């Protein structure tokens, strides 16, 4: 489109803007590196990454086990049947929420690409 090509270019970014962008990129890279587990199999790492995208609160424990939301543990070989509730809750409401978390994690794992 000629009209679009005739528009003036935006001003170049400032040195501060570039430095801020670089800091954000480095921070994100460092954050991502915290989630990589050298002891995990490729399937384990892929499962962790999938759960992290869906649940946000995911951590490695005991080498290769994954804990999601502090409630659900996923052990190798990382199938839906390998998910167990580690904190069932004391009240009926807490138990229901925990079971919902367990079922959600199982569903995510069953459908991971």
N, C-alpha and C. Protein backbone atom coordinates (compact mmCIF):
# COMPACT_ATOMS: atom_id res chain seq x y z
N UNK A 1 0.86 -1.18 0.00
CA UNK A 1 0.00 0.00 0.00
C UNK A 1 0.90 1.24 0.00
N UNK A 2 0.72 2.08 -0.99
CA UNK A 2 1.56 3.27 -1.13
C UNK A 2 1.37 4.26 0.01
N UNK A 3 0.14 4.37 0.48
CA UNK A 3 -0.13 5.30 1.58
C UNK A 3 0.65 4.90 2.83
N UNK A 4 0.69 3.61 3.10
CA UNK A 4 1.42 3.12 4.27
C UNK A 4 2.92 3.33 4.09
N UNK A 5 3.40 3.13 2.88
CA UNK A 5 4.84 3.31 2.63
C UNK A 5 5.25 4.78 2.72
N UNK A 6 4.31 5.68 2.53
CA UNK A 6 4.62 7.11 2.58
C UNK A 6 4.68 7.65 4.00
N UNK A 7 4.18 6.88 4.96
CA UNK A 7 4.21 7.35 6.36
C UNK A 7 5.64 7.42 6.85
N UNK A 8 5.94 8.41 7.68
CA UNK A 8 7.31 8.52 8.23
C UNK A 8 7.57 7.39 9.24
N UNK A 9 8.81 7.02 9.32
CA UNK A 9 9.21 5.99 10.29
C UNK A 9 9.12 6.55 11.70
N UNK A 10 8.83 5.70 12.67
CA UNK A 10 8.84 6.18 14.06
C UNK A 10 10.26 6.51 14.48
N UNK A 11 10.41 7.32 15.51
CA UNK A 11 11.77 7.65 15.96
C UNK A 11 12.46 6.39 16.49
N UNK A 12 13.78 6.33 16.38
CA UNK A 12 14.49 5.15 16.88
C UNK A 12 14.37 5.09 18.41
N UNK A 13 14.46 3.88 18.96
CA UNK A 13 14.38 3.76 20.42
C UNK A 13 15.57 4.42 21.10
N UNK A 14 15.34 4.89 22.30
CA UNK A 14 16.43 5.51 23.05
C UNK A 14 17.34 4.44 23.63
N UNK A 15 18.50 4.85 24.05
CA UNK A 15 19.45 3.92 24.67
C UNK A 15 18.83 3.31 25.93
N UNK A 16 18.13 4.12 26.71
CA UNK A 16 17.48 3.62 27.94
C UNK A 16 16.42 2.58 27.60
N UNK A 17 15.62 2.83 26.56
CA UNK A 17 14.58 1.87 26.17
C UNK A 17 15.21 0.55 25.75
N UNK A 18 16.31 0.60 25.02
CA UNK A 18 17.00 -0.62 24.61
C UNK A 18 17.58 -1.37 25.81
N UNK A 19 18.16 -0.61 26.76
CA UNK A 19 18.70 -1.24 27.96
C UNK A 19 17.59 -1.88 28.79
N UNK A 20 16.45 -1.20 28.91
CA UNK A 20 15.31 -1.77 29.65
C UNK A 20 14.81 -3.05 28.99
N UNK A 21 14.74 -3.03 27.66
CA UNK A 21 14.29 -4.21 26.92
C UNK A 21 15.26 -5.37 27.14
N UNK A 22 16.56 -5.07 27.13
CA UNK A 22 17.57 -6.09 27.36
C UNK A 22 17.45 -6.67 28.77
N UNK A 23 17.24 -5.82 29.78
CA UNK A 23 17.08 -6.28 31.16
C UNK A 23 15.88 -7.21 31.30
N UNK A 24 14.76 -6.82 30.66
CA UNK A 24 13.56 -7.67 30.71
C UNK A 24 13.82 -9.02 30.06
N UNK A 25 14.51 -9.02 28.93
CA UNK A 25 14.81 -10.26 28.22
C UNK A 25 15.71 -11.16 29.06
N UNK A 26 16.72 -10.58 29.70
CA UNK A 26 17.62 -11.36 30.55
C UNK A 26 16.87 -11.92 31.76
N UNK A 27 16.00 -11.12 32.35
CA UNK A 27 15.22 -11.58 33.50
C UNK A 27 14.32 -12.74 33.10
N UNK A 28 13.69 -12.63 31.94
CA UNK A 28 12.82 -13.72 31.48
C UNK A 28 13.63 -14.98 31.19
N UNK A 29 14.81 -14.83 30.61
CA UNK A 29 15.66 -15.98 30.32
C UNK A 29 16.10 -16.66 31.62
N UNK A 30 16.48 -15.87 32.61
CA UNK A 30 16.90 -16.44 33.90
C UNK A 30 15.74 -17.15 34.58
N UNK A 31 14.56 -16.57 34.47
CA UNK A 31 13.36 -17.19 35.05
C UNK A 31 13.09 -18.54 34.38
N UNK A 32 13.22 -18.57 33.07
CA UNK A 32 13.00 -19.81 32.32
C UNK A 32 14.04 -20.86 32.70
N UNK A 33 15.27 -20.44 32.90
CA UNK A 33 16.34 -21.38 33.25
C UNK A 33 16.08 -22.08 34.58
N UNK A 34 15.38 -21.42 35.49
CA UNK A 34 15.07 -22.02 36.79
C UNK A 34 14.18 -23.25 36.64
N UNK A 35 13.46 -23.34 35.54
CA UNK A 35 12.50 -24.42 35.34
C UNK A 35 13.08 -25.62 34.61
N UNK A 36 14.33 -25.50 34.19
CA UNK A 36 14.95 -26.61 33.46
C UNK A 36 15.57 -27.58 34.47
N UNK A 37 15.26 -28.87 34.29
CA UNK A 37 15.75 -29.90 35.19
C UNK A 37 16.66 -30.84 34.40
N UNK A 38 17.95 -30.81 34.70
CA UNK A 38 18.91 -31.66 34.00
C UNK A 38 18.68 -33.14 34.27
N UNK A 39 17.99 -33.48 35.37
CA UNK A 39 17.73 -34.88 35.71
C UNK A 39 16.49 -35.42 35.01
N UNK A 40 15.69 -34.56 34.46
CA UNK A 40 14.44 -34.99 33.85
C UNK A 40 14.65 -35.53 32.44
N UNK A 41 13.77 -36.43 32.06
CA UNK A 41 13.76 -36.92 30.68
C UNK A 41 13.14 -35.84 29.80
N UNK A 42 13.32 -35.94 28.49
CA UNK A 42 12.65 -34.97 27.61
C UNK A 42 11.13 -34.96 27.82
N UNK A 43 10.53 -36.13 28.04
CA UNK A 43 9.09 -36.19 28.30
C UNK A 43 8.76 -35.49 29.61
N UNK A 44 9.59 -35.69 30.62
CA UNK A 44 9.37 -35.03 31.90
C UNK A 44 9.44 -33.52 31.78
N UNK A 45 10.45 -33.02 31.06
CA UNK A 45 10.58 -31.58 30.87
C UNK A 45 9.41 -31.03 30.06
N UNK A 46 8.99 -31.76 29.04
CA UNK A 46 7.85 -31.31 28.23
C UNK A 46 6.57 -31.27 29.07
N UNK A 47 6.40 -32.26 29.94
CA UNK A 47 5.23 -32.29 30.82
C UNK A 47 5.26 -31.11 31.76
N UNK A 48 6.43 -30.85 32.35
CA UNK A 48 6.59 -29.70 33.25
C UNK A 48 6.24 -28.41 32.53
N UNK A 49 6.79 -28.22 31.33
CA UNK A 49 6.55 -26.99 30.57
C UNK A 49 5.07 -26.81 30.25
N UNK A 50 4.40 -27.89 29.88
CA UNK A 50 2.97 -27.83 29.59
C UNK A 50 2.18 -27.44 30.83
N UNK A 51 2.50 -28.06 31.95
CA UNK A 51 1.80 -27.74 33.20
C UNK A 51 2.09 -26.31 33.65
N UNK A 52 3.31 -25.85 33.45
CA UNK A 52 3.67 -24.49 33.83
C UNK A 52 2.87 -23.46 33.05
N UNK A 53 2.69 -23.71 31.75
CA UNK A 53 1.89 -22.80 30.94
C UNK A 53 0.44 -22.75 31.41
N UNK A 54 -0.08 -23.90 31.83
CA UNK A 54 -1.49 -23.99 32.20
C UNK A 54 -1.76 -23.60 33.64
N UNK A 55 -0.82 -23.86 34.53
CA UNK A 55 -1.10 -23.71 35.96
C UNK A 55 -0.27 -22.65 36.67
N UNK A 56 0.86 -22.28 36.11
CA UNK A 56 1.68 -21.20 36.66
C UNK A 56 2.44 -21.56 37.93
N UNK A 57 1.92 -22.43 38.77
CA UNK A 57 2.60 -22.80 40.01
C UNK A 57 3.03 -24.26 39.91
N UNK A 58 4.25 -24.47 39.38
CA UNK A 58 4.76 -25.81 39.14
C UNK A 58 6.22 -25.85 39.58
N UNK A 59 6.61 -26.94 40.24
CA UNK A 59 8.00 -27.05 40.68
C UNK A 59 8.48 -28.49 40.61
N UNK A 60 9.77 -28.64 40.45
CA UNK A 60 10.40 -29.95 40.49
C UNK A 60 10.67 -30.31 41.95
N UNK A 61 10.42 -31.56 42.33
CA UNK A 61 10.77 -32.06 43.67
C UNK A 61 11.36 -33.46 43.54
N UNK A 62 12.18 -33.82 44.48
CA UNK A 62 12.76 -35.17 44.52
C UNK A 62 13.38 -35.59 43.19
N UNK A 63 14.01 -34.67 42.52
CA UNK A 63 14.70 -35.00 41.28
C UNK A 63 13.84 -34.93 40.04
N UNK A 64 12.85 -35.83 39.93
CA UNK A 64 12.09 -35.89 38.69
C UNK A 64 10.57 -35.81 38.88
N UNK A 65 10.12 -35.61 40.09
CA UNK A 65 8.67 -35.47 40.33
C UNK A 65 8.27 -34.01 40.15
N UNK A 66 7.04 -33.82 39.71
CA UNK A 66 6.51 -32.48 39.48
C UNK A 66 5.38 -32.24 40.47
N UNK A 67 5.39 -31.08 41.13
CA UNK A 67 4.29 -30.70 42.02
C UNK A 67 3.60 -29.48 41.42
N UNK A 68 2.28 -29.61 41.29
CA UNK A 68 1.47 -28.57 40.67
C UNK A 68 0.56 -27.96 41.73
N UNK A 69 0.59 -26.65 41.83
CA UNK A 69 -0.26 -25.90 42.76
C UNK A 69 -0.09 -26.33 44.21
N UNK A 70 1.02 -26.98 44.51
CA UNK A 70 1.26 -27.45 45.87
C UNK A 70 0.31 -28.55 46.31
N UNK A 71 -0.47 -29.09 45.38
CA UNK A 71 -1.50 -30.08 45.72
C UNK A 71 -1.39 -31.40 44.98
N UNK A 72 -0.85 -31.36 43.77
CA UNK A 72 -0.84 -32.55 42.92
C UNK A 72 0.60 -32.91 42.57
N UNK A 73 0.93 -34.17 42.77
CA UNK A 73 2.27 -34.67 42.42
C UNK A 73 2.15 -35.55 41.19
N UNK A 74 3.06 -35.34 40.24
CA UNK A 74 3.09 -36.13 39.02
C UNK A 74 4.45 -36.81 38.96
N UNK A 75 4.44 -38.14 38.96
CA UNK A 75 5.68 -38.91 38.90
C UNK A 75 5.87 -39.51 37.52
N UNK A 76 7.10 -40.00 37.26
CA UNK A 76 7.36 -40.68 36.00
C UNK A 76 6.47 -41.90 35.90
N UNK A 77 5.98 -42.23 34.75
CA UNK A 77 6.27 -41.72 33.42
C UNK A 77 5.37 -40.57 32.97
N UNK A 78 4.79 -39.84 33.90
CA UNK A 78 4.06 -38.60 33.64
C UNK A 78 2.75 -38.78 32.87
N UNK A 79 2.04 -39.83 33.18
CA UNK A 79 0.71 -40.03 32.60
C UNK A 79 -0.36 -39.61 33.59
N UNK A 80 -1.61 -39.55 33.16
CA UNK A 80 -2.71 -39.17 34.07
C UNK A 80 -2.78 -40.08 35.30
N UNK A 81 -2.45 -41.35 35.11
CA UNK A 81 -2.49 -42.30 36.23
C UNK A 81 -1.35 -42.09 37.23
N UNK A 82 -0.39 -41.25 36.88
CA UNK A 82 0.75 -40.96 37.75
C UNK A 82 0.55 -39.70 38.59
N UNK A 83 -0.66 -39.16 38.55
CA UNK A 83 -1.01 -37.96 39.31
C UNK A 83 -1.66 -38.36 40.62
N UNK A 84 -1.16 -37.81 41.72
CA UNK A 84 -1.75 -38.10 43.02
C UNK A 84 -1.94 -36.80 43.80
N UNK A 85 -2.94 -36.80 44.60
CA UNK A 85 -3.23 -35.65 45.45
C UNK A 85 -2.34 -35.73 46.68
N UNK A 86 -1.58 -34.68 46.96
CA UNK A 86 -0.68 -34.71 48.11
C UNK A 86 -1.21 -33.88 49.28
N UNK A 87 -2.21 -33.05 49.00
CA UNK A 87 -2.80 -32.24 50.06
C UNK A 87 -4.31 -32.22 49.82
N UNK A 88 -5.03 -33.19 50.39
CA UNK A 88 -6.45 -33.32 50.07
C UNK A 88 -7.36 -32.26 50.67
N UNK A 89 -6.91 -31.52 51.64
CA UNK A 89 -7.76 -30.51 52.28
C UNK A 89 -8.49 -31.06 53.48
N UNK A 90 -8.86 -30.16 54.37
CA UNK A 90 -9.51 -30.57 55.62
C UNK A 90 -11.02 -30.46 55.54
N UNK A 91 -11.51 -29.43 54.90
CA UNK A 91 -12.95 -29.24 54.80
C UNK A 91 -13.45 -29.83 53.48
N UNK A 92 -14.74 -29.99 53.38
CA UNK A 92 -15.32 -30.52 52.14
C UNK A 92 -15.01 -29.60 50.96
N UNK A 93 -15.09 -28.31 51.20
CA UNK A 93 -14.79 -27.35 50.13
C UNK A 93 -13.34 -27.48 49.68
N UNK A 94 -12.41 -27.58 50.63
CA UNK A 94 -11.00 -27.75 50.28
C UNK A 94 -10.77 -29.05 49.53
N UNK A 95 -11.44 -30.12 49.95
CA UNK A 95 -11.31 -31.41 49.27
C UNK A 95 -11.83 -31.32 47.84
N UNK A 96 -12.95 -30.63 47.67
CA UNK A 96 -13.51 -30.47 46.32
C UNK A 96 -12.56 -29.67 45.42
N UNK A 97 -11.99 -28.59 45.96
CA UNK A 97 -11.03 -27.79 45.18
C UNK A 97 -9.79 -28.61 44.82
N UNK A 98 -9.32 -29.41 45.77
CA UNK A 98 -8.16 -30.25 45.52
C UNK A 98 -8.47 -31.29 44.44
N UNK A 99 -9.64 -31.89 44.51
CA UNK A 99 -10.03 -32.87 43.49
C UNK A 99 -10.17 -32.21 42.13
N UNK A 100 -10.67 -30.98 42.11
CA UNK A 100 -10.75 -30.23 40.85
C UNK A 100 -9.35 -30.01 40.27
N UNK A 101 -8.40 -29.67 41.15
CA UNK A 101 -7.01 -29.48 40.70
C UNK A 101 -6.45 -30.78 40.14
N UNK A 102 -6.67 -31.87 40.85
CA UNK A 102 -6.18 -33.18 40.40
C UNK A 102 -6.76 -33.52 39.03
N UNK A 103 -8.06 -33.35 38.88
CA UNK A 103 -8.71 -33.68 37.61
C UNK A 103 -8.22 -32.77 36.48
N UNK A 104 -7.97 -31.51 36.80
CA UNK A 104 -7.46 -30.57 35.78
C UNK A 104 -6.06 -30.99 35.32
N UNK A 105 -5.20 -31.33 36.27
CA UNK A 105 -3.85 -31.76 35.92
C UNK A 105 -3.90 -33.04 35.08
N UNK A 106 -4.74 -33.99 35.47
CA UNK A 106 -4.87 -35.23 34.70
C UNK A 106 -5.32 -34.93 33.27
N UNK A 107 -6.27 -34.02 33.14
CA UNK A 107 -6.78 -33.67 31.81
C UNK A 107 -5.69 -33.00 30.97
N UNK A 108 -4.93 -32.10 31.57
CA UNK A 108 -3.85 -31.42 30.85
C UNK A 108 -2.82 -32.45 30.37
N UNK A 109 -2.46 -33.36 31.25
CA UNK A 109 -1.46 -34.37 30.89
C UNK A 109 -1.99 -35.31 29.81
N UNK A 110 -3.26 -35.67 29.91
CA UNK A 110 -3.85 -36.57 28.91
C UNK A 110 -3.88 -35.95 27.52
N UNK A 111 -3.97 -34.62 27.46
CA UNK A 111 -4.09 -33.94 26.17
C UNK A 111 -2.84 -33.22 25.71
N UNK A 112 -1.73 -33.40 26.42
CA UNK A 112 -0.52 -32.67 26.02
C UNK A 112 -0.04 -33.21 24.67
N UNK A 113 0.53 -32.28 23.89
CA UNK A 113 0.93 -32.60 22.53
C UNK A 113 2.11 -33.45 22.48
